[in-house]
Amino acid sequence: MSTEPGDAGGPAEDEQYCSSCGEIIKMEAEICPECGVRQKSPAQDYDKDRVTAGVLAILLGGLGVHKFYLGETGMGVLYLCFFWTAIPALVGLIEGILYLTKTDEEFQRKYVN
């Protein structure tokens, strides 16, 4: 990743991470100059809420509701198949805590984009 001299390693105010390769690019860039992938518009960037996903994972994680919310239907069905073992509930609790401890940007990059 390229960074500016004196930068702490993250993007500046007018920069963001590429949704595909993770390179730091300008916020207004429609296409990443490094990998050529079209970037999502800012309105699409934050389409899933970290807090909602975290609360769903903690309260209803055993049924996989948080996975359905995040668009991971296959994992949601897997959670449903094994909900009676209580293992998905434990995993959901851990995932909920992980979701809530991340920043919105980290959450979007890792779990949504």
PDB file of N, CA and C in Angstrom:
ATOM      1  N   MET A   1       0.825  -1.181   0.000  1.00  0.00           N
ATOM      2  CA  MET A   1       0.000   0.000   0.000  1.00  0.00           C
ATOM      3  C   MET A   1       0.866   1.240   0.000  1.00  0.00           C
ATOM      4  N   SER A   2       0.446   2.224  -0.709  1.00  0.00           N
ATOM      5  CA  SER A   2       1.204   3.471  -0.739  1.00  0.00           C
ATOM      6  C   SER A   2       0.675   4.410   0.326  1.00  0.00           C
ATOM      7  N   THR A   3       1.591   5.086   0.996  1.00  0.00           N
ATOM      8  CA  THR A   3       1.215   6.058   2.010  1.00  0.00           C
ATOM      9  C   THR A   3       2.028   7.321   1.810  1.00  0.00           C
ATOM     10  N   GLU A   4       1.512   8.423   2.282  1.00  0.00           N
ATOM     11  CA  GLU A   4       2.204   9.699   2.209  1.00  0.00           C
ATOM     12  C   GLU A   4       3.272   9.746   3.299  1.00  0.00           C
ATOM     13  N   PRO A   5       4.360  10.499   3.089  1.00  0.00           N
ATOM     14  CA  PRO A   5       5.356  10.634   4.141  1.00  0.00           C
ATOM     15  C   PRO A   5       4.734  11.264   5.383  1.00  0.00           C
ATOM     16  N   GLY A   6       5.034  10.707   6.526  1.00  0.00           N
ATOM     17  CA  GLY A   6       4.502  11.239   7.770  1.00  0.00           C
ATOM     18  C   GLY A   6       3.102  10.735   8.069  1.00  0.00           C
ATOM     19  N   ASP A   7       2.546   9.913   7.196  1.00  0.00           N
ATOM     20  CA  ASP A   7       1.213   9.368   7.374  1.00  0.00           C
ATOM     21  C   ASP A   7       1.292   8.212   8.362  1.00  0.00           C
ATOM     22  N   ALA A   8       0.220   7.994   9.100  1.00  0.00           N
ATOM     23  CA  ALA A   8       0.184   6.921  10.085  1.00  0.00           C
ATOM     24  C   ALA A   8      -0.127   5.571   9.431  1.00  0.00           C
ATOM     25  N   GLY A   9      -0.181   5.523   8.105  1.00  0.00           N
ATOM     26  CA  GLY A   9      -0.439   4.273   7.423  1.00  0.00           C
ATOM     27  C   GLY A   9      -1.860   4.125   6.926  1.00  0.00           C
ATOM     28  N   GLY A  10      -2.764   4.978   7.366  1.00  0.00           N
ATOM     29  CA  GLY A  10      -4.153   4.909   6.935  1.00  0.00           C
ATOM     30  C   GLY A  10      -4.462   5.989   5.919  1.00  0.00           C
ATOM     31  N   PRO A  11      -5.670   5.955   5.382  1.00  0.00           N
ATOM     32  CA  PRO A  11      -6.049   6.964   4.395  1.00  0.00           C
ATOM     33  C   PRO A  11      -6.272   8.337   5.033  1.00  0.00           C
ATOM     34  N   ALA A  12      -6.005   9.392   4.250  1.00  0.00           N
ATOM     35  CA  ALA A  12      -6.252  10.762   4.702  1.00  0.00           C
ATOM     36  C   ALA A  12      -7.752  11.047   4.588  1.00  0.00           C
ATOM     37  N   GLU A  13      -8.155  12.264   4.944  1.00  0.00           N
ATOM     38  CA  GLU A  13      -9.563  12.656   4.902  1.00  0.00           C
ATOM     39  C   GLU A  13     -10.184  12.444   3.532  1.00  0.00           C
ATOM     40  N   ASP A  14      -9.448  12.728   2.461  1.00  0.00           N
ATOM     41  CA  ASP A  14      -9.991  12.634   1.106  1.00  0.00           C
ATOM     42  C   ASP A  14      -9.625  11.313   0.423  1.00  0.00           C
ATOM     43  N   GLU A  15      -9.262  10.297   1.217  1.00  0.00           N
ATOM     44  CA  GLU A  15      -8.873   9.005   0.668  1.00  0.00           C
ATOM     45  C   GLU A  15      -9.681   7.883   1.301  1.00  0.00           C
ATOM     46  N   GLN A  16      -9.659   6.729   0.635  1.00  0.00           N
ATOM     47  CA  GLN A  16     -10.333   5.548   1.148  1.00  0.00           C
ATOM     48  C   GLN A  16      -9.565   4.324   0.668  1.00  0.00           C
ATOM     49  N   TYR A  17      -9.960   3.143   1.178  1.00  0.00           N
ATOM     50  CA  TYR A  17      -9.374   1.905   0.705  1.00  0.00           C
ATOM     51  C   TYR A  17     -10.169   1.401  -0.492  1.00  0.00           C
ATOM     52  N   CYS A  18      -9.493   0.837  -1.473  1.00  0.00           N
ATOM     53  CA  CYS A  18     -10.161   0.193  -2.603  1.00  0.00           C
ATOM     54  C   CYS A  18     -10.936  -1.005  -2.063  1.00  0.00           C
ATOM     55  N   SER A  19     -12.162  -1.180  -2.517  1.00  0.00           N
ATOM     56  CA  SER A  19     -12.992  -2.281  -2.024  1.00  0.00           C
ATOM     57  C   SER A  19     -12.504  -3.645  -2.517  1.00  0.00           C
ATOM     58  N   SER A  20     -11.615  -3.671  -3.490  1.00  0.00           N
ATOM     59  CA  SER A  20     -11.129  -4.937  -4.019  1.00  0.00           C
ATOM     60  C   SER A  20      -9.709  -5.260  -3.553  1.00  0.00           C
ATOM     61  N   CYS A  21      -8.767  -4.355  -3.839  1.00  0.00           N
ATOM     62  CA  CYS A  21      -7.360  -4.662  -3.546  1.00  0.00           C
ATOM     63  C   CYS A  21      -6.860  -4.051  -2.237  1.00  0.00           C
ATOM     64  N   GLY A  22      -7.614  -3.097  -1.661  1.00  0.00           N
ATOM     65  CA  GLY A  22      -7.221  -2.496  -0.396  1.00  0.00           C
ATOM     66  C   GLY A  22      -6.238  -1.353  -0.520  1.00  0.00           C
ATOM     67  N   GLU A  23      -5.875  -0.972  -1.744  1.00  0.00           N
ATOM     68  CA  GLU A  23      -4.959   0.146  -1.977  1.00  0.00           C
ATOM     69  C   GLU A  23      -5.630   1.452  -1.560  1.00  0.00           C
ATOM     70  N   ILE A  24      -4.864   2.393  -1.047  1.00  0.00           N
ATOM     71  CA  ILE A  24      -5.411   3.702  -0.690  1.00  0.00           C
ATOM     72  C   ILE A  24      -5.592   4.505  -1.968  1.00  0.00           C
ATOM     73  N   ILE A  25      -6.839   4.957  -2.195  1.00  0.00           N
ATOM     74  CA  ILE A  25      -7.178   5.733  -3.392  1.00  0.00           C
ATOM     75  C   ILE A  25      -7.945   6.979  -2.983  1.00  0.00           C
ATOM     76  N   LYS A  26      -8.112   7.901  -3.909  1.00  0.00           N
ATOM     77  CA  LYS A  26      -8.882   9.120  -3.643  1.00  0.00           C
ATOM     78  C   LYS A  26     -10.349   8.763  -3.431  1.00  0.00           C
ATOM     79  N   MET A  27     -11.025   9.513  -2.553  1.00  0.00           N
ATOM     80  CA  MET A  27     -12.412   9.259  -2.220  1.00  0.00           C
ATOM     81  C   MET A  27     -13.321   9.356  -3.443  1.00  0.00           C
ATOM     82  N   GLU A  28     -13.026  10.295  -4.343  1.00  0.00           N
ATOM     83  CA  GLU A  28     -13.885  10.509  -5.508  1.00  0.00           C
ATOM     84  C   GLU A  28     -13.576   9.574  -6.676  1.00  0.00           C
ATOM     85  N   ALA A  29     -12.597   8.700  -6.528  1.00  0.00           N
ATOM     86  CA  ALA A  29     -12.226   7.782  -7.612  1.00  0.00           C
ATOM     87  C   ALA A  29     -13.354   6.788  -7.877  1.00  0.00           C
ATOM     88  N   GLU A  30     -13.762   6.696  -9.126  1.00  0.00           N
ATOM     89  CA  GLU A  30     -14.793   5.731  -9.504  1.00  0.00           C
ATOM     90  C   GLU A  30     -14.184   4.366  -9.784  1.00  0.00           C
ATOM     91  N   ILE A  31     -12.934   4.376 -10.276  1.00  0.00           N
ATOM     92  CA  ILE A  31     -12.233   3.139 -10.596  1.00  0.00           C
ATOM     93  C   ILE A  31     -10.861   3.176  -9.936  1.00  0.00           C
ATOM     94  N   CYS A  32     -10.475   2.080  -9.302  1.00  0.00           N
ATOM     95  CA  CYS A  32      -9.169   1.993  -8.647  1.00  0.00           C
ATOM     96  C   CYS A  32      -8.067   1.998  -9.706  1.00  0.00           C
ATOM     97  N   PRO A  33      -7.090   2.902  -9.599  1.00  0.00           N
ATOM     98  CA  PRO A  33      -6.007   2.934 -10.585  1.00  0.00           C
ATOM     99  C   PRO A  33      -5.077   1.724 -10.480  1.00  0.00           C
ATOM    100  N   GLU A  34      -5.092   1.034  -9.360  1.00  0.00           N
ATOM    101  CA  GLU A  34      -4.206  -0.123  -9.180  1.00  0.00           C
ATOM    102  C   GLU A  34      -4.787  -1.402  -9.782  1.00  0.00           C
ATOM    103  N   CYS A  35      -6.063  -1.697  -9.462  1.00  0.00           N
ATOM    104  CA  CYS A  35      -6.637  -2.971  -9.908  1.00  0.00           C
ATOM    105  C   CYS A  35      -7.734  -2.815 -10.954  1.00  0.00           C
ATOM    106  N   GLY A  36      -8.233  -1.585 -11.163  1.00  0.00           N
ATOM    107  CA  GLY A  36      -9.234  -1.341 -12.195  1.00  0.00           C
ATOM    108  C   GLY A  36     -10.659  -1.680 -11.813  1.00  0.00           C
ATOM    109  N   VAL A  37     -10.913  -1.960 -10.542  1.00  0.00           N
ATOM    110  CA  VAL A  37     -12.264  -2.322 -10.105  1.00  0.00           C
ATOM    111  C   VAL A  37     -13.072  -1.061  -9.811  1.00  0.00           C
ATOM    112  N   ARG A  38     -14.319  -1.026 -10.309  1.00  0.00           N
ATOM    113  CA  ARG A  38     -15.208   0.109 -10.055  1.00  0.00           C
ATOM    114  C   ARG A  38     -15.581   0.126  -8.577  1.00  0.00           C
ATOM    115  N   GLN A  39     -15.501   1.299  -7.980  1.00  0.00           N
ATOM    116  CA  GLN A  39     -15.796   1.470  -6.565  1.00  0.00           C
ATOM    117  C   GLN A  39     -17.273   1.761  -6.373  1.00  0.00           C
ATOM    118  N   LYS A  40     -17.767   1.410  -5.207  1.00  0.00           N
ATOM    119  CA  LYS A  40     -19.155   1.703  -4.880  1.00  0.00           C
ATOM    120  C   LYS A  40     -19.290   3.178  -4.566  1.00  0.00           C
ATOM    121  N   SER A  41     -20.478   3.699  -4.802  1.00  0.00           N
ATOM    122  CA  SER A  41     -20.724   5.096  -4.449  1.00  0.00           C
ATOM    123  C   SER A  41     -20.846   5.202  -2.935  1.00  0.00           C
ATOM    124  N   PRO A  42     -20.628   6.398  -2.345  1.00  0.00           N
ATOM    125  CA  PRO A  42     -20.719   6.542  -0.896  1.00  0.00           C
ATOM    126  C   PRO A  42     -22.071   6.113  -0.338  1.00  0.00           C
ATOM    127  N   ALA A  43     -23.146   6.266  -1.109  1.00  0.00           N
ATOM    128  CA  ALA A  43     -24.460   5.857  -0.631  1.00  0.00           C
ATOM    129  C   ALA A  43     -24.528   4.343  -0.464  1.00  0.00           C
ATOM    130  N   GLN A  44     -23.803   3.597  -1.297  1.00  0.00           N
ATOM    131  CA  GLN A  44     -23.791   2.149  -1.209  1.00  0.00           C
ATOM    132  C   GLN A  44     -22.774   1.652  -0.192  1.00  0.00           C
ATOM    133  N   ASP A  45     -21.839   2.500   0.175  1.00  0.00           N
ATOM    134  CA  ASP A  45     -20.730   2.095   1.023  1.00  0.00           C
ATOM    135  C   ASP A  45     -21.174   1.562   2.382  1.00  0.00           C
ATOM    136  N   TYR A  46     -22.116   2.197   3.011  1.00  0.00           N
ATOM    137  CA  TYR A  46     -22.533   1.816   4.351  1.00  0.00           C
ATOM    138  C   TYR A  46     -23.968   1.317   4.304  1.00  0.00           C
ATOM    139  N   ASP A  47     -24.184   0.176   3.630  1.00  0.00           N
ATOM    140  CA  ASP A  47     -25.532  -0.327   3.497  1.00  0.00           C
ATOM    141  C   ASP A  47     -25.928  -1.280   4.614  1.00  0.00           C
ATOM    142  N   LYS A  48     -24.996  -1.754   5.401  1.00  0.00           N
ATOM    143  CA  LYS A  48     -25.300  -2.610   6.550  1.00  0.00           C
ATOM    144  C   LYS A  48     -24.731  -1.957   7.804  1.00  0.00           C
ATOM    145  N   ASP A  49     -25.540  -1.933   8.832  1.00  0.00           N
ATOM    146  CA  ASP A  49     -25.149  -1.275  10.075  1.00  0.00           C
ATOM    147  C   ASP A  49     -24.436  -2.260  10.997  1.00  0.00           C
ATOM    148  N   ARG A  50     -23.303  -1.845  11.498  1.00  0.00           N
ATOM    149  CA  ARG A  50     -22.476  -2.669  12.374  1.00  0.00           C
ATOM    150  C   ARG A  50     -23.198  -2.991  13.681  1.00  0.00           C
ATOM    151  N   VAL A  51     -23.866  -2.007  14.259  1.00  0.00           N
ATOM    152  CA  VAL A  51     -24.544  -2.213  15.543  1.00  0.00           C
ATOM    153  C   VAL A  51     -25.722  -3.175  15.372  1.00  0.00           C
ATOM    154  N   THR A  52     -26.483  -3.006  14.292  1.00  0.00           N
ATOM    155  CA  THR A  52     -27.606  -3.914  14.038  1.00  0.00           C
ATOM    156  C   THR A  52     -27.112  -5.342  13.886  1.00  0.00           C
ATOM    157  N   ALA A  53     -26.060  -5.529  13.100  1.00  0.00           N
ATOM    158  CA  ALA A  53     -25.505  -6.869  12.908  1.00  0.00           C
ATOM    159  C   ALA A  53     -24.998  -7.440  14.231  1.00  0.00           C
ATOM    160  N   GLY A  54     -24.357  -6.607  15.045  1.00  0.00           N
ATOM    161  CA  GLY A  54     -23.839  -7.065  16.333  1.00  0.00           C
ATOM    162  C   GLY A  54     -24.934  -7.478  17.289  1.00  0.00           C
ATOM    163  N   VAL A  55     -25.991  -6.683  17.376  1.00  0.00           N
ATOM    164  CA  VAL A  55     -27.107  -6.999  18.276  1.00  0.00           C
ATOM    165  C   VAL A  55     -27.839  -8.252  17.785  1.00  0.00           C
ATOM    166  N   LEU A  56     -28.051  -8.357  16.471  1.00  0.00           N
ATOM    167  CA  LEU A  56     -28.685  -9.564  15.934  1.00  0.00           C
ATOM    168  C   LEU A  56     -27.842 -10.806  16.227  1.00  0.00           C
ATOM    169  N   ALA A  57     -26.529 -10.670  16.099  1.00  0.00           N
ATOM    170  CA  ALA A  57     -25.639 -11.811  16.354  1.00  0.00           C
ATOM    171  C   ALA A  57     -25.692 -12.231  17.818  1.00  0.00           C
ATOM    172  N   ILE A  58     -25.721 -11.261  18.726  1.00  0.00           N
ATOM    173  CA  ILE A  58     -25.740 -11.583  20.153  1.00  0.00           C
ATOM    174  C   ILE A  58     -27.081 -12.177  20.571  1.00  0.00           C
ATOM    175  N   LEU A  59     -28.189 -11.568  20.119  1.00  0.00           N
ATOM    176  CA  LEU A  59     -29.507 -12.005  20.565  1.00  0.00           C
ATOM    177  C   LEU A  59     -30.060 -13.193  19.774  1.00  0.00           C
ATOM    178  N   LEU A  60     -29.855 -13.209  18.464  1.00  0.00           N
ATOM    179  CA  LEU A  60     -30.433 -14.243  17.607  1.00  0.00           C
ATOM    180  C   LEU A  60     -29.375 -14.989  16.797  1.00  0.00           C
ATOM    181  N   GLY A  61     -28.147 -14.979  17.288  1.00  0.00           N
ATOM    182  CA  GLY A  61     -27.045 -15.610  16.565  1.00  0.00           C
ATOM    183  C   GLY A  61     -27.211 -17.103  16.394  1.00  0.00           C
ATOM    184  N   GLY A  62     -27.881 -17.754  17.311  1.00  0.00           N
ATOM    185  CA  GLY A  62     -28.094 -19.189  17.210  1.00  0.00           C
ATOM    186  C   GLY A  62     -28.939 -19.577  16.015  1.00  0.00           C
ATOM    187  N   LEU A  63     -29.751 -18.647  15.524  1.00  0.00           N
ATOM    188  CA  LEU A  63     -30.587 -18.893  14.352  1.00  0.00           C
ATOM    189  C   LEU A  63     -29.957 -18.347  13.081  1.00  0.00           C
ATOM    190  N   GLY A  64     -28.820 -17.686  13.204  1.00  0.00           N
ATOM    191  CA  GLY A  64     -28.118 -17.169  12.033  1.00  0.00           C
ATOM    192  C   GLY A  64     -28.723 -15.910  11.442  1.00  0.00           C
ATOM    193  N   VAL A  65     -29.549 -15.203  12.196  1.00  0.00           N
ATOM    194  CA  VAL A  65     -30.225 -14.013  11.686  1.00  0.00           C
ATOM    195  C   VAL A  65     -29.216 -12.966  11.209  1.00  0.00           C
ATOM    196  N   HIS A  66     -28.112 -12.813  11.918  1.00  0.00           N
ATOM    197  CA  HIS A  66     -27.101 -11.834  11.523  1.00  0.00           C
ATOM    198  C   HIS A  66     -26.475 -12.190  10.180  1.00  0.00           C
ATOM    199  N   LYS A  67     -26.343 -13.464   9.892  1.00  0.00           N
ATOM    200  CA  LYS A  67     -25.782 -13.896   8.604  1.00  0.00           C
ATOM    201  C   LYS A  67     -26.741 -13.560   7.461  1.00  0.00           C
ATOM    202  N   PHE A  68     -28.039 -13.787   7.681  1.00  0.00           N
ATOM    203  CA  PHE A  68     -29.021 -13.401   6.666  1.00  0.00           C
ATOM    204  C   PHE A  68     -29.003 -11.895   6.465  1.00  0.00           C
ATOM    205  N   TYR A  69     -28.879 -11.133   7.553  1.00  0.00           N
ATOM    206  CA  TYR A  69     -28.829  -9.672   7.465  1.00  0.00           C
ATOM    207  C   TYR A  69     -27.638  -9.206   6.630  1.00  0.00           C
ATOM    208  N   LEU A  70     -26.508  -9.873   6.775  1.00  0.00           N
ATOM    209  CA  LEU A  70     -25.300  -9.494   6.035  1.00  0.00           C
ATOM    210  C   LEU A  70     -25.257 -10.086   4.626  1.00  0.00           C
ATOM    211  N   GLY A  71     -26.284 -10.824   4.246  1.00  0.00           N
ATOM    212  CA  GLY A  71     -26.348 -11.373   2.899  1.00  0.00           C
ATOM    213  C   GLY A  71     -25.640 -12.702   2.731  1.00  0.00           C
ATOM    214  N   GLU A  72     -25.251 -13.318   3.818  1.00  0.00           N
ATOM    215  CA  GLU A  72     -24.573 -14.616   3.769  1.00  0.00           C
ATOM    216  C   GLU A  72     -25.609 -15.720   4.003  1.00  0.00           C
ATOM    217  N   THR A  73     -26.446 -15.943   3.004  1.00  0.00           N
ATOM    218  CA  THR A  73     -27.569 -16.871   3.143  1.00  0.00           C
ATOM    219  C   THR A  73     -27.114 -18.300   3.431  1.00  0.00           C
ATOM    220  N   GLY A  74     -26.062 -18.747   2.776  1.00  0.00           N
ATOM    221  CA  GLY A  74     -25.559 -20.104   3.000  1.00  0.00           C
ATOM    222  C   GLY A  74     -25.157 -20.340   4.447  1.00  0.00           C
ATOM    223  N   MET A  75     -24.439 -19.380   5.010  1.00  0.00           N
ATOM    224  CA  MET A  75     -24.038 -19.504   6.419  1.00  0.00           C
ATOM    225  C   MET A  75     -25.258 -19.418   7.339  1.00  0.00           C
ATOM    226  N   GLY A  76     -26.235 -18.582   6.966  1.00  0.00           N
ATOM    227  CA  GLY A  76     -27.465 -18.488   7.757  1.00  0.00           C
ATOM    228  C   GLY A  76     -28.194 -19.814   7.816  1.00  0.00           C
ATOM    229  N   VAL A  77     -28.271 -20.500   6.681  1.00  0.00           N
ATOM    230  CA  VAL A  77     -28.917 -21.813   6.635  1.00  0.00           C
ATOM    231  C   VAL A  77     -28.123 -22.822   7.457  1.00  0.00           C
ATOM    232  N   LEU A  78     -26.813 -22.755   7.397  1.00  0.00           N
ATOM    233  CA  LEU A  78     -25.972 -23.652   8.198  1.00  0.00           C
ATOM    234  C   LEU A  78     -26.226 -23.440   9.695  1.00  0.00           C
ATOM    235  N   TYR A  79     -26.314 -22.187  10.112  1.00  0.00           N
ATOM    236  CA  TYR A  79     -26.617 -21.885  11.512  1.00  0.00           C
ATOM    237  C   TYR A  79     -27.982 -22.469  11.889  1.00  0.00           C
ATOM    238  N   LEU A  80     -28.962 -22.331  10.987  1.00  0.00           N
ATOM    239  CA  LEU A  80     -30.297 -22.874  11.255  1.00  0.00           C
ATOM    240  C   LEU A  80     -30.280 -24.387  11.402  1.00  0.00           C
ATOM    241  N   CYS A  81     -29.468 -25.051  10.587  1.00  0.00           N
ATOM    242  CA  CYS A  81     -29.399 -26.511  10.638  1.00  0.00           C
ATOM    243  C   CYS A  81     -28.839 -27.023  11.963  1.00  0.00           C
ATOM    244  N   PHE A  82     -27.982 -26.247  12.597  1.00  0.00           N
ATOM    245  CA  PHE A  82     -27.327 -26.705  13.820  1.00  0.00           C
ATOM    246  C   PHE A  82     -27.711 -25.904  15.059  1.00  0.00           C
ATOM    247  N   PHE A  83     -28.799 -25.116  14.988  1.00  0.00           N
ATOM    248  CA  PHE A  83     -29.155 -24.275  16.123  1.00  0.00           C
ATOM    249  C   PHE A  83     -29.417 -25.085  17.390  1.00  0.00           C
ATOM    250  N   TRP A  84     -29.893 -26.308  17.255  1.00  0.00           N
ATOM    251  CA  TRP A  84     -30.223 -27.140  18.407  1.00  0.00           C
ATOM    252  C   TRP A  84     -28.996 -27.544  19.210  1.00  0.00           C
ATOM    253  N   THR A  85     -27.786 -27.412  18.642  1.00  0.00           N
ATOM    254  CA  THR A  85     -26.570 -27.792  19.359  1.00  0.00           C
ATOM    255  C   THR A  85     -26.041 -26.668  20.249  1.00  0.00           C
ATOM    256  N   ALA A  86     -26.559 -25.463  20.089  1.00  0.00           N
ATOM    257  CA  ALA A  86     -26.129 -24.273  20.832  1.00  0.00           C
ATOM    258  C   ALA A  86     -24.754 -23.767  20.396  1.00  0.00           C
ATOM    259  N   ILE A  87     -24.095 -24.468  19.491  1.00  0.00           N
ATOM    260  CA  ILE A  87     -22.805 -23.995  18.981  1.00  0.00           C
ATOM    261  C   ILE A  87     -22.978 -22.705  18.182  1.00  0.00           C
ATOM    262  N   PRO A  88     -23.985 -22.609  17.295  1.00  0.00           N
ATOM    263  CA  PRO A  88     -24.180 -21.345  16.575  1.00  0.00           C
ATOM    264  C   PRO A  88     -24.463 -20.157  17.511  1.00  0.00           C
ATOM    265  N   ALA A  89     -25.126 -20.415  18.627  1.00  0.00           N
ATOM    266  CA  ALA A  89     -25.393 -19.335  19.579  1.00  0.00           C
ATOM    267  C   ALA A  89     -24.091 -18.817  20.185  1.00  0.00           C
ATOM    268  N   LEU A  90     -23.195 -19.716  20.518  1.00  0.00           N
ATOM    269  CA  LEU A  90     -21.895 -19.323  21.067  1.00  0.00           C
ATOM    270  C   LEU A  90     -21.074 -18.573  20.025  1.00  0.00           C
ATOM    271  N   VAL A  91     -21.048 -19.098  18.788  1.00  0.00           N
ATOM    272  CA  VAL A  91     -20.315 -18.444  17.707  1.00  0.00           C
ATOM    273  C   VAL A  91     -20.946 -17.083  17.410  1.00  0.00           C
ATOM    274  N   GLY A  92     -22.282 -17.008  17.421  1.00  0.00           N
ATOM    275  CA  GLY A  92     -22.979 -15.748  17.194  1.00  0.00           C
ATOM    276  C   GLY A  92     -22.635 -14.715  18.251  1.00  0.00           C
ATOM    277  N   LEU A  93     -22.536 -15.137  19.500  1.00  0.00           N
ATOM    278  CA  LEU A  93     -22.148 -14.222  20.580  1.00  0.00           C
ATOM    279  C   LEU A  93     -20.749 -13.657  20.327  1.00  0.00           C
ATOM    280  N   ILE A  94     -19.828 -14.514  19.952  1.00  0.00           N
ATOM    281  CA  ILE A  94     -18.456 -14.067  19.668  1.00  0.00           C
ATOM    282  C   ILE A  94     -18.434 -13.135  18.461  1.00  0.00           C
ATOM    283  N   GLU A  95     -19.173 -13.503  17.390  1.00  0.00           N
ATOM    284  CA  GLU A  95     -19.219 -12.647  16.207  1.00  0.00           C
ATOM    285  C   GLU A  95     -19.845 -11.297  16.523  1.00  0.00           C
ATOM    286  N   GLY A  96     -20.888 -11.294  17.342  1.00  0.00           N
ATOM    287  CA  GLY A  96     -21.526 -10.038  17.728  1.00  0.00           C
ATOM    288  C   GLY A  96     -20.561  -9.116  18.449  1.00  0.00           C
ATOM    289  N   ILE A  97     -19.778  -9.668  19.342  1.00  0.00           N
ATOM    290  CA  ILE A  97     -18.772  -8.869  20.057  1.00  0.00           C
ATOM    291  C   ILE A  97     -17.726  -8.338  19.075  1.00  0.00           C
ATOM    292  N   LEU A  98     -17.301  -9.187  18.137  1.00  0.00           N
ATOM    293  CA  LEU A  98     -16.329  -8.745  17.134  1.00  0.00           C
ATOM    294  C   LEU A  98     -16.904  -7.616  16.283  1.00  0.00           C
ATOM    295  N   TYR A  99     -18.156  -7.739  15.859  1.00  0.00           N
ATOM    296  CA  TYR A  99     -18.787  -6.693  15.047  1.00  0.00           C
ATOM    297  C   TYR A  99     -18.804  -5.372  15.803  1.00  0.00           C
ATOM    298  N   LEU A 100     -19.149  -5.435  17.079  1.00  0.00           N
ATOM    299  CA  LEU A 100     -19.304  -4.209  17.866  1.00  0.00           C
ATOM    300  C   LEU A 100     -17.972  -3.566  18.236  1.00  0.00           C
ATOM    301  N   THR A 101     -16.885  -4.323  18.218  1.00  0.00           N
ATOM    302  CA  THR A 101     -15.589  -3.753  18.579  1.00  0.00           C
ATOM    303  C   THR A 101     -14.853  -3.148  17.388  1.00  0.00           C
ATOM    304  N   LYS A 102     -15.334  -3.409  16.182  1.00  0.00           N
ATOM    305  CA  LYS A 102     -14.696  -2.838  14.985  1.00  0.00           C
ATOM    306  C   LYS A 102     -15.252  -1.456  14.695  1.00  0.00           C
ATOM    307  N   THR A 103     -14.469  -0.647  13.965  1.00  0.00           N
ATOM    308  CA  THR A 103     -14.985   0.642  13.505  1.00  0.00           C
ATOM    309  C   THR A 103     -15.929   0.370  12.340  1.00  0.00           C
ATOM    310  N   ASP A 104     -16.758   1.359  11.995  1.00  0.00           N
ATOM    311  CA  ASP A 104     -17.686   1.197  10.877  1.00  0.00           C
ATOM    312  C   ASP A 104     -16.940   0.871   9.586  1.00  0.00           C
ATOM    313  N   GLU A 105     -15.818   1.546   9.374  1.00  0.00           N
ATOM    314  CA  GLU A 105     -15.039   1.327   8.148  1.00  0.00           C
ATOM    315  C   GLU A 105     -14.480  -0.090   8.094  1.00  0.00           C
ATOM    316  N   GLU A 106     -13.925  -0.565   9.216  1.00  0.00           N
ATOM    317  CA  GLU A 106     -13.387  -1.927   9.259  1.00  0.00           C
ATOM    318  C   GLU A 106     -14.495  -2.953   9.039  1.00  0.00           C
ATOM    319  N   PHE A 107     -15.635  -2.725   9.660  1.00  0.00           N
ATOM    320  CA  PHE A 107     -16.761  -3.634   9.528  1.00  0.00           C
ATOM    321  C   PHE A 107     -17.214  -3.724   8.080  1.00  0.00           C
ATOM    322  N   GLN A 108     -17.377  -2.566   7.431  1.00  0.00           N
ATOM    323  CA  GLN A 108     -17.818  -2.548   6.039  1.00  0.00           C
ATOM    324  C   GLN A 108     -16.825  -3.257   5.139  1.00  0.00           C
ATOM    325  N   ARG A 109     -15.545  -2.996   5.362  1.00  0.00           N
ATOM    326  CA  ARG A 109     -14.507  -3.583   4.520  1.00  0.00           C
ATOM    327  C   ARG A 109     -14.448  -5.105   4.684  1.00  0.00           C
ATOM    328  N   LYS A 110     -14.578  -5.584   5.922  1.00  0.00           N
ATOM    329  CA  LYS A 110     -14.406  -7.016   6.171  1.00  0.00           C
ATOM    330  C   LYS A 110     -15.676  -7.835   5.946  1.00  0.00           C
ATOM    331  N   TYR A 111     -16.825  -7.323   6.360  1.00  0.00           N
ATOM    332  CA  TYR A 111     -18.023  -8.144   6.361  1.00  0.00           C
ATOM    333  C   TYR A 111     -19.041  -7.788   5.291  1.00  0.00           C
ATOM    334  N   VAL A 112     -18.975  -6.586   4.712  1.00  0.00           N
ATOM    335  CA  VAL A 112     -20.008  -6.172   3.763  1.00  0.00           C
ATOM    336  C   VAL A 112     -19.460  -6.093   2.354  1.00  0.00           C
ATOM    337  N   ASN A 113     -18.347  -5.404   2.129  1.00  0.00           N
ATOM    338  CA  ASN A 113     -17.845  -5.191   0.761  1.00  0.00           C
ATOM    339  C   ASN A 113     -17.199  -6.419   0.187  1.00  0.00           C
TER     340      ASN A 113
END
